[in-house]
Amino acid sequence: MKKFLFSLAILGSSFLLFNGFVAFQSSADRILEESKTTLRSLNDFSADFTYELANPGMRNAVSKTGSLKYKQGKYVIKMDDQEIYCDLETLWIYLSEDNEVNIMDYDPEEGMDVESIFNLYETSSQARYQGEKTVNGAACHHIYLAIKDADLEYNQAYLWINKQTKMLQKISLVNRTQTTTTYEFRNMETNTGLTDAAFRFDVAAHSGVDVYDER
């Protein structure tokens, strides 16, 4: 009888743990859906960011700062040494130190990390709620994603979603070599009226720029 009661206790504990897991999973899925809906409702947004690339084999992580503008898939990334423009048809990569720009057809299969960030909302993955964290003074939901799509470079992601704005405050993408790419966003502004021209590199505005057109 004691053995039977002990087994029932284990079964009951397992049931509670399972229910807890489902609750955490449901909570994470709900938060992700709310964040995705918020992102889709925006005409555009802009933000400053800190970018960090780290790997267990690297002595020091690579860190940069910059700014991001985003509008329904189109984006501009500006850092000290380069600027990247994408209007979903053409990609421009401008190297400021060399005053040269490389122009190529946009290929979504060879996208930049920023695309990976927002495409995470559409990937097949299993979400787990990790609790609440604070990022730059903002209360955030912390969510872990186990990404199931074998074709993607990244198989794990950690998201910090601002509880108030429902926008990404921070994200870490982990690939199969354990290289971690982290973006942390600040000074976010939404619906600022960005035009499509903002996502195209203006050659005429850069005197003496060398143009390498690969289209």
C-alpha atoms as a PDB file:
ATOM      1  CA  MET A   1       0.000   0.000   0.000  1.00  0.00           C
ATOM      2  CA  LYS A   2       2.853   2.394   0.864  1.00  0.00           C
ATOM      3  CA  LYS A   3       4.484   1.577  -2.451  1.00  0.00           C
ATOM      4  CA  PHE A   4       1.203   2.286  -4.218  1.00  0.00           C
ATOM      5  CA  LEU A   5       0.788   5.637  -2.405  1.00  0.00           C
ATOM      6  CA  PHE A   6       4.409   6.519  -3.190  1.00  0.00           C
ATOM      7  CA  SER A   7       3.750   5.808  -6.878  1.00  0.00           C
ATOM      8  CA  LEU A   8       0.647   7.999  -6.766  1.00  0.00           C
ATOM      9  CA  ALA A   9       2.712  10.793  -5.198  1.00  0.00           C
ATOM     10  CA  ILE A  10       5.287  10.545  -7.994  1.00  0.00           C
ATOM     11  CA  LEU A  11       2.538  10.490 -10.604  1.00  0.00           C
ATOM     12  CA  GLY A  12       0.907  13.523  -9.012  1.00  0.00           C
ATOM     13  CA  SER A  13       4.201  15.406  -8.906  1.00  0.00           C
ATOM     14  CA  SER A  14       4.871  14.542 -12.533  1.00  0.00           C
ATOM     15  CA  PHE A  15       1.401  15.760 -13.475  1.00  0.00           C
ATOM     16  CA  LEU A  16       1.987  19.075 -11.690  1.00  0.00           C
ATOM     17  CA  LEU A  17       5.370  19.495 -13.366  1.00  0.00           C
ATOM     18  CA  PHE A  18       3.846  18.720 -16.769  1.00  0.00           C
ATOM     19  CA  ASN A  19       1.054  21.213 -16.190  1.00  0.00           C
ATOM     20  CA  GLY A  20       3.623  23.770 -15.093  1.00  0.00           C
ATOM     21  CA  PHE A  21       5.633  23.171 -18.255  1.00  0.00           C
ATOM     22  CA  VAL A  22       2.541  23.541 -20.434  1.00  0.00           C
ATOM     23  CA  ALA A  23       1.647  26.755 -18.594  1.00  0.00           C
ATOM     24  CA  PHE A  24       5.149  28.143 -19.128  1.00  0.00           C
ATOM     25  CA  GLN A  25       5.028  27.106 -22.782  1.00  0.00           C
ATOM     26  CA  SER A  26       1.568  28.617 -23.291  1.00  0.00           C
ATOM     27  CA  SER A  27       2.689  31.819 -21.577  1.00  0.00           C
ATOM     28  CA  ALA A  28       5.748  32.052 -23.852  1.00  0.00           C
ATOM     29  CA  ASP A  29       3.678  31.381 -26.979  1.00  0.00           C
ATOM     30  CA  ARG A  30       1.153  34.029 -25.964  1.00  0.00           C
ATOM     31  CA  ILE A  31       3.859  36.636 -25.342  1.00  0.00           C
ATOM     32  CA  LEU A  32       5.522  35.855 -28.679  1.00  0.00           C
ATOM     33  CA  GLU A  33       2.194  36.167 -30.494  1.00  0.00           C
ATOM     34  CA  GLU A  34       1.512  39.518 -28.825  1.00  0.00           C
ATOM     35  CA  SER A  35       4.983  40.749 -29.773  1.00  0.00           C
ATOM     36  CA  LYS A  36       4.560  39.567 -33.370  1.00  0.00           C
ATOM     37  CA  THR A  37       1.172  41.291 -33.612  1.00  0.00           C
ATOM     38  CA  THR A  38       2.683  44.510 -32.247  1.00  0.00           C
ATOM     39  CA  LEU A  39       5.562  44.385 -34.752  1.00  0.00           C
ATOM     40  CA  ARG A  40       3.181  43.780 -37.663  1.00  0.00           C
ATOM     41  CA  SER A  41       0.985  46.694 -36.608  1.00  0.00           C
ATOM     42  CA  LEU A  42       3.856  49.184 -36.891  1.00  0.00           C
ATOM     43  CA  ASN A  43       4.520  51.175 -40.029  1.00  0.00           C
ATOM     44  CA  ASP A  44       8.188  51.441 -39.058  1.00  0.00           C
ATOM     45  CA  PHE A  45      10.583  51.798 -36.144  1.00  0.00           C
ATOM     46  CA  SER A  46      14.100  52.958 -35.425  1.00  0.00           C
ATOM     47  CA  ALA A  47      16.503  52.257 -32.569  1.00  0.00           C
ATOM     48  CA  ASP A  48      20.100  52.439 -31.421  1.00  0.00           C
ATOM     49  CA  PHE A  49      21.722  49.095 -30.716  1.00  0.00           C
ATOM     50  CA  THR A  50      24.746  47.335 -29.308  1.00  0.00           C
ATOM     51  CA  TYR A  51      25.978  44.335 -31.290  1.00  0.00           C
ATOM     52  CA  GLU A  52      28.176  41.596 -29.832  1.00  0.00           C
ATOM     53  CA  LEU A  53      29.639  38.458 -31.408  1.00  0.00           C
ATOM     54  CA  ALA A  54      31.092  35.824 -29.091  1.00  0.00           C
ATOM     55  CA  ASN A  55      32.369  32.269 -29.406  1.00  0.00           C
ATOM     56  CA  PRO A  56      33.953  29.910 -26.822  1.00  0.00           C
ATOM     57  CA  GLY A  57      37.103  29.878 -28.966  1.00  0.00           C
ATOM     58  CA  MET A  58      37.435  33.675 -29.062  1.00  0.00           C
ATOM     59  CA  ARG A  59      39.587  35.435 -26.482  1.00  0.00           C
ATOM     60  CA  ASN A  60      37.506  38.614 -26.658  1.00  0.00           C
ATOM     61  CA  ALA A  61      34.023  39.223 -27.976  1.00  0.00           C
ATOM     62  CA  VAL A  62      33.557  41.583 -30.932  1.00  0.00           C
ATOM     63  CA  SER A  63      31.375  44.522 -29.953  1.00  0.00           C
ATOM     64  CA  LYS A  64      29.959  47.402 -32.012  1.00  0.00           C
ATOM     65  CA  THR A  65      27.295  50.066 -31.691  1.00  0.00           C
ATOM     66  CA  GLY A  66      25.019  51.443 -34.342  1.00  0.00           C
ATOM     67  CA  SER A  67      21.513  52.382 -35.380  1.00  0.00           C
ATOM     68  CA  LEU A  68      18.713  50.493 -37.088  1.00  0.00           C
ATOM     69  CA  LYS A  69      15.734  51.579 -39.170  1.00  0.00           C
ATOM     70  CA  TYR A  70      13.123  48.994 -40.112  1.00  0.00           C
ATOM     71  CA  LYS A  71       9.948  49.041 -42.215  1.00  0.00           C
ATOM     72  CA  GLN A  72       8.096  45.871 -43.195  1.00  0.00           C
ATOM     73  CA  GLY A  73      11.265  43.930 -44.054  1.00  0.00           C
ATOM     74  CA  LYS A  74      13.255  46.876 -45.383  1.00  0.00           C
ATOM     75  CA  TYR A  75      16.126  48.002 -43.179  1.00  0.00           C
ATOM     76  CA  VAL A  76      19.132  50.261 -42.752  1.00  0.00           C
ATOM     77  CA  ILE A  77      21.969  49.416 -40.377  1.00  0.00           C
ATOM     78  CA  LYS A  78      24.587  52.072 -39.670  1.00  0.00           C
ATOM     79  CA  MET A  79      27.832  51.481 -37.764  1.00  0.00           C
ATOM     80  CA  ASP A  80      31.101  53.407 -37.618  1.00  0.00           C
ATOM     81  CA  ASP A  81      32.789  51.420 -40.383  1.00  0.00           C
ATOM     82  CA  GLN A  82      29.890  50.374 -42.595  1.00  0.00           C
ATOM     83  CA  GLU A  83      26.295  50.981 -43.577  1.00  0.00           C
ATOM     84  CA  ILE A  84      23.878  48.380 -44.964  1.00  0.00           C
ATOM     85  CA  TYR A  85      20.759  49.320 -46.919  1.00  0.00           C
ATOM     86  CA  CYS A  86      18.056  46.908 -48.071  1.00  0.00           C
ATOM     87  CA  ASP A  87      14.788  47.725 -49.876  1.00  0.00           C
ATOM     88  CA  LEU A  88      13.928  44.018 -50.493  1.00  0.00           C
ATOM     89  CA  GLU A  89      15.098  44.289 -54.105  1.00  0.00           C
ATOM     90  CA  THR A  90      18.660  45.588 -53.777  1.00  0.00           C
ATOM     91  CA  LEU A  91      21.331  45.402 -51.081  1.00  0.00           C
ATOM     92  CA  TRP A  92      23.931  48.145 -50.657  1.00  0.00           C
ATOM     93  CA  ILE A  93      26.969  47.705 -48.387  1.00  0.00           C
ATOM     94  CA  TYR A  94      28.859  50.948 -47.898  1.00  0.00           C
ATOM     95  CA  LEU A  95      32.359  50.889 -46.368  1.00  0.00           C
ATOM     96  CA  SER A  96      32.898  54.395 -45.056  1.00  0.00           C
ATOM     97  CA  GLU A  97      36.663  54.142 -44.468  1.00  0.00           C
ATOM     98  CA  ASP A  98      37.246  53.091 -48.089  1.00  0.00           C
ATOM     99  CA  ASN A  99      34.405  55.216 -49.485  1.00  0.00           C
ATOM    100  CA  GLU A 100      33.151  52.323 -51.583  1.00  0.00           C
ATOM    101  CA  VAL A 101      29.779  50.690 -52.000  1.00  0.00           C
ATOM    102  CA  ASN A 102      28.989  47.161 -53.135  1.00  0.00           C
ATOM    103  CA  ILE A 103      25.602  46.765 -54.804  1.00  0.00           C
ATOM    104  CA  MET A 104      23.931  43.386 -55.297  1.00  0.00           C
ATOM    105  CA  ASP A 105      20.547  41.818 -55.782  1.00  0.00           C
ATOM    106  CA  TYR A 106      18.746  41.142 -52.522  1.00  0.00           C
ATOM    107  CA  ASP A 107      18.686  37.445 -51.664  1.00  0.00           C
ATOM    108  CA  PRO A 108      16.579  36.488 -48.618  1.00  0.00           C
ATOM    109  CA  GLU A 109      18.539  33.225 -48.351  1.00  0.00           C
ATOM    110  CA  GLU A 110      21.706  35.221 -47.667  1.00  0.00           C
ATOM    111  CA  GLY A 111      20.230  37.812 -45.369  1.00  0.00           C
ATOM    112  CA  MET A 112      21.864  39.741 -42.589  1.00  0.00           C
ATOM    113  CA  ASP A 113      21.393  38.995 -38.902  1.00  0.00           C
ATOM    114  CA  VAL A 114      18.686  41.628 -38.589  1.00  0.00           C
ATOM    115  CA  GLU A 115      16.446  39.538 -40.821  1.00  0.00           C
ATOM    116  CA  SER A 116      17.074  36.503 -38.654  1.00  0.00           C
ATOM    117  CA  ILE A 117      15.829  38.498 -35.667  1.00  0.00           C
ATOM    118  CA  PHE A 118      12.419  39.269 -37.092  1.00  0.00           C
ATOM    119  CA  ASN A 119      12.048  35.984 -38.949  1.00  0.00           C
ATOM    120  CA  LEU A 120      12.219  34.186 -35.601  1.00  0.00           C
ATOM    121  CA  TYR A 121       8.541  34.967 -35.161  1.00  0.00           C
ATOM    122  CA  GLU A 122       7.781  32.754 -38.161  1.00  0.00           C
ATOM    123  CA  THR A 123      10.133  29.824 -37.499  1.00  0.00           C
ATOM    124  CA  SER A 124       9.126  26.421 -36.191  1.00  0.00           C
ATOM    125  CA  SER A 125      10.325  26.417 -32.611  1.00  0.00           C
ATOM    126  CA  GLN A 126       9.528  25.400 -29.054  1.00  0.00           C
ATOM    127  CA  ALA A 127       9.253  28.310 -26.645  1.00  0.00           C
ATOM    128  CA  ARG A 128       9.942  28.234 -22.909  1.00  0.00           C
ATOM    129  CA  TYR A 129       9.297  31.050 -20.475  1.00  0.00           C
ATOM    130  CA  GLN A 130      12.393  31.855 -18.406  1.00  0.00           C
ATOM    131  CA  GLY A 131      10.904  34.429 -16.059  1.00  0.00           C
ATOM    132  CA  GLU A 132      11.261  38.192 -15.842  1.00  0.00           C
ATOM    133  CA  LYS A 133      14.501  40.099 -16.385  1.00  0.00           C
ATOM    134  CA  THR A 134      15.479  43.763 -16.450  1.00  0.00           C
ATOM    135  CA  VAL A 135      17.309  45.170 -19.494  1.00  0.00           C
ATOM    136  CA  ASN A 136      18.417  48.816 -19.374  1.00  0.00           C
ATOM    137  CA  GLY A 137      15.895  49.495 -16.647  1.00  0.00           C
ATOM    138  CA  ALA A 138      13.008  47.949 -18.587  1.00  0.00           C
ATOM    139  CA  ALA A 139      11.060  44.963 -17.218  1.00  0.00           C
ATOM    140  CA  CYS A 140      11.144  42.170 -19.797  1.00  0.00           C
ATOM    141  CA  HIS A 141       9.785  38.692 -20.391  1.00  0.00           C
ATOM    142  CA  HIS A 142      12.715  36.298 -20.913  1.00  0.00           C
ATOM    143  CA  ILE A 143      11.980  33.516 -23.426  1.00  0.00           C
ATOM    144  CA  TYR A 144      14.099  30.671 -24.753  1.00  0.00           C
ATOM    145  CA  LEU A 145      13.490  29.264 -28.239  1.00  0.00           C
ATOM    146  CA  ALA A 146      14.633  25.833 -29.394  1.00  0.00           C
ATOM    147  CA  ILE A 147      14.517  26.276 -33.173  1.00  0.00           C
ATOM    148  CA  LYS A 148      13.449  23.173 -35.104  1.00  0.00           C
ATOM    149  CA  ASP A 149      14.159  24.348 -38.654  1.00  0.00           C
ATOM    150  CA  ALA A 150      17.350  22.539 -39.684  1.00  0.00           C
ATOM    151  CA  ASP A 151      17.872  24.889 -42.646  1.00  0.00           C
ATOM    152  CA  LEU A 152      18.426  27.894 -40.414  1.00  0.00           C
ATOM    153  CA  GLU A 153      21.885  28.926 -39.259  1.00  0.00           C
ATOM    154  CA  TYR A 154      20.665  29.463 -35.696  1.00  0.00           C
ATOM    155  CA  ASN A 155      19.215  26.645 -33.620  1.00  0.00           C
ATOM    156  CA  GLN A 156      18.667  28.535 -30.361  1.00  0.00           C
ATOM    157  CA  ALA A 157      17.563  32.011 -29.355  1.00  0.00           C
ATOM    158  CA  TYR A 158      17.030  33.982 -26.172  1.00  0.00           C
ATOM    159  CA  LEU A 159      14.562  36.860 -26.297  1.00  0.00           C
ATOM    160  CA  TRP A 160      13.919  39.682 -23.855  1.00  0.00           C
ATOM    161  CA  ILE A 161      10.545  41.244 -24.721  1.00  0.00           C
ATOM    162  CA  ASN A 162       9.623  44.553 -23.125  1.00  0.00           C
ATOM    163  CA  LYS A 163       6.555  43.988 -20.934  1.00  0.00           C
ATOM    164  CA  GLN A 164       5.146  47.434 -21.639  1.00  0.00           C
ATOM    165  CA  THR A 165       5.840  47.938 -25.369  1.00  0.00           C
ATOM    166  CA  LYS A 166       5.843  44.210 -26.324  1.00  0.00           C
ATOM    167  CA  MET A 167       8.887  44.926 -28.522  1.00  0.00           C
ATOM    168  CA  LEU A 168      12.247  43.170 -28.457  1.00  0.00           C
ATOM    169  CA  GLN A 169      14.608  44.779 -25.971  1.00  0.00           C
ATOM    170  CA  LYS A 170      17.394  42.259 -26.473  1.00  0.00           C
ATOM    171  CA  ILE A 171      18.000  39.046 -28.415  1.00  0.00           C
ATOM    172  CA  SER A 172      20.780  36.436 -28.550  1.00  0.00           C
ATOM    173  CA  LEU A 173      21.038  34.035 -31.494  1.00  0.00           C
ATOM    174  CA  VAL A 174      23.118  30.876 -31.041  1.00  0.00           C
ATOM    175  CA  ASN A 175      24.276  28.787 -33.998  1.00  0.00           C
ATOM    176  CA  ARG A 176      25.500  25.202 -34.161  1.00  0.00           C
ATOM    177  CA  THR A 177      29.126  26.206 -33.515  1.00  0.00           C
ATOM    178  CA  GLN A 178      27.998  27.981 -30.315  1.00  0.00           C
ATOM    179  CA  THR A 179      28.679  31.395 -31.791  1.00  0.00           C
ATOM    180  CA  THR A 180      26.346  33.864 -30.112  1.00  0.00           C
ATOM    181  CA  THR A 181      25.174  37.054 -31.796  1.00  0.00           C
ATOM    182  CA  THR A 182      23.493  39.525 -29.439  1.00  0.00           C
ATOM    183  CA  TYR A 183      21.581  42.710 -30.184  1.00  0.00           C
ATOM    184  CA  GLU A 184      20.468  45.065 -27.438  1.00  0.00           C
ATOM    185  CA  PHE A 185      18.145  47.916 -28.411  1.00  0.00           C
ATOM    186  CA  ARG A 186      17.827  51.427 -26.952  1.00  0.00           C
ATOM    187  CA  ASN A 187      15.957  54.650 -27.745  1.00  0.00           C
ATOM    188  CA  MET A 188      13.320  52.904 -29.814  1.00  0.00           C
ATOM    189  CA  GLU A 189      10.871  55.067 -31.754  1.00  0.00           C
ATOM    190  CA  THR A 190       7.870  53.768 -33.688  1.00  0.00           C
ATOM    191  CA  ASN A 191       5.782  55.025 -36.622  1.00  0.00           C
ATOM    192  CA  THR A 192       8.139  57.870 -37.514  1.00  0.00           C
ATOM    193  CA  GLY A 193       7.009  58.072 -41.142  1.00  0.00           C
ATOM    194  CA  LEU A 194      10.047  56.520 -42.841  1.00  0.00           C
ATOM    195  CA  THR A 195       9.787  56.572 -46.639  1.00  0.00           C
ATOM    196  CA  ASP A 196      11.051  53.823 -48.955  1.00  0.00           C
ATOM    197  CA  ALA A 197      13.861  56.152 -50.070  1.00  0.00           C
ATOM    198  CA  ALA A 198      15.389  55.854 -46.590  1.00  0.00           C
ATOM    199  CA  PHE A 199      16.283  52.227 -47.380  1.00  0.00           C
ATOM    200  CA  ARG A 200      18.223  52.966 -50.575  1.00  0.00           C
ATOM    201  CA  PHE A 201      21.840  54.132 -50.656  1.00  0.00           C
ATOM    202  CA  ASP A 202      22.187  57.519 -52.368  1.00  0.00           C
ATOM    203  CA  VAL A 203      25.346  57.318 -54.484  1.00  0.00           C
ATOM    204  CA  ALA A 204      25.085  60.957 -55.512  1.00  0.00           C
ATOM    205  CA  ALA A 205      25.267  62.085 -51.899  1.00  0.00           C
ATOM    206  CA  HIS A 206      28.700  60.480 -51.437  1.00  0.00           C
ATOM    207  CA  SER A 207      31.305  62.404 -53.379  1.00  0.00           C
ATOM    208  CA  GLY A 208      33.979  60.246 -55.055  1.00  0.00           C
ATOM    209  CA  VAL A 209      32.489  56.944 -53.890  1.00  0.00           C
ATOM    210  CA  ASP A 210      33.717  53.847 -55.732  1.00  0.00           C
ATOM    211  CA  VAL A 211      30.780  51.761 -56.926  1.00  0.00           C
ATOM    212  CA  TYR A 212      31.022  47.998 -57.411  1.00  0.00           C
ATOM    213  CA  ASP A 213      27.763  46.848 -58.970  1.00  0.00           C
ATOM    214  CA  GLU A 214      27.376  43.056 -58.891  1.00  0.00           C
ATOM    215  CA  ARG A 215      23.809  42.921 -60.174  1.00  0.00           C
END
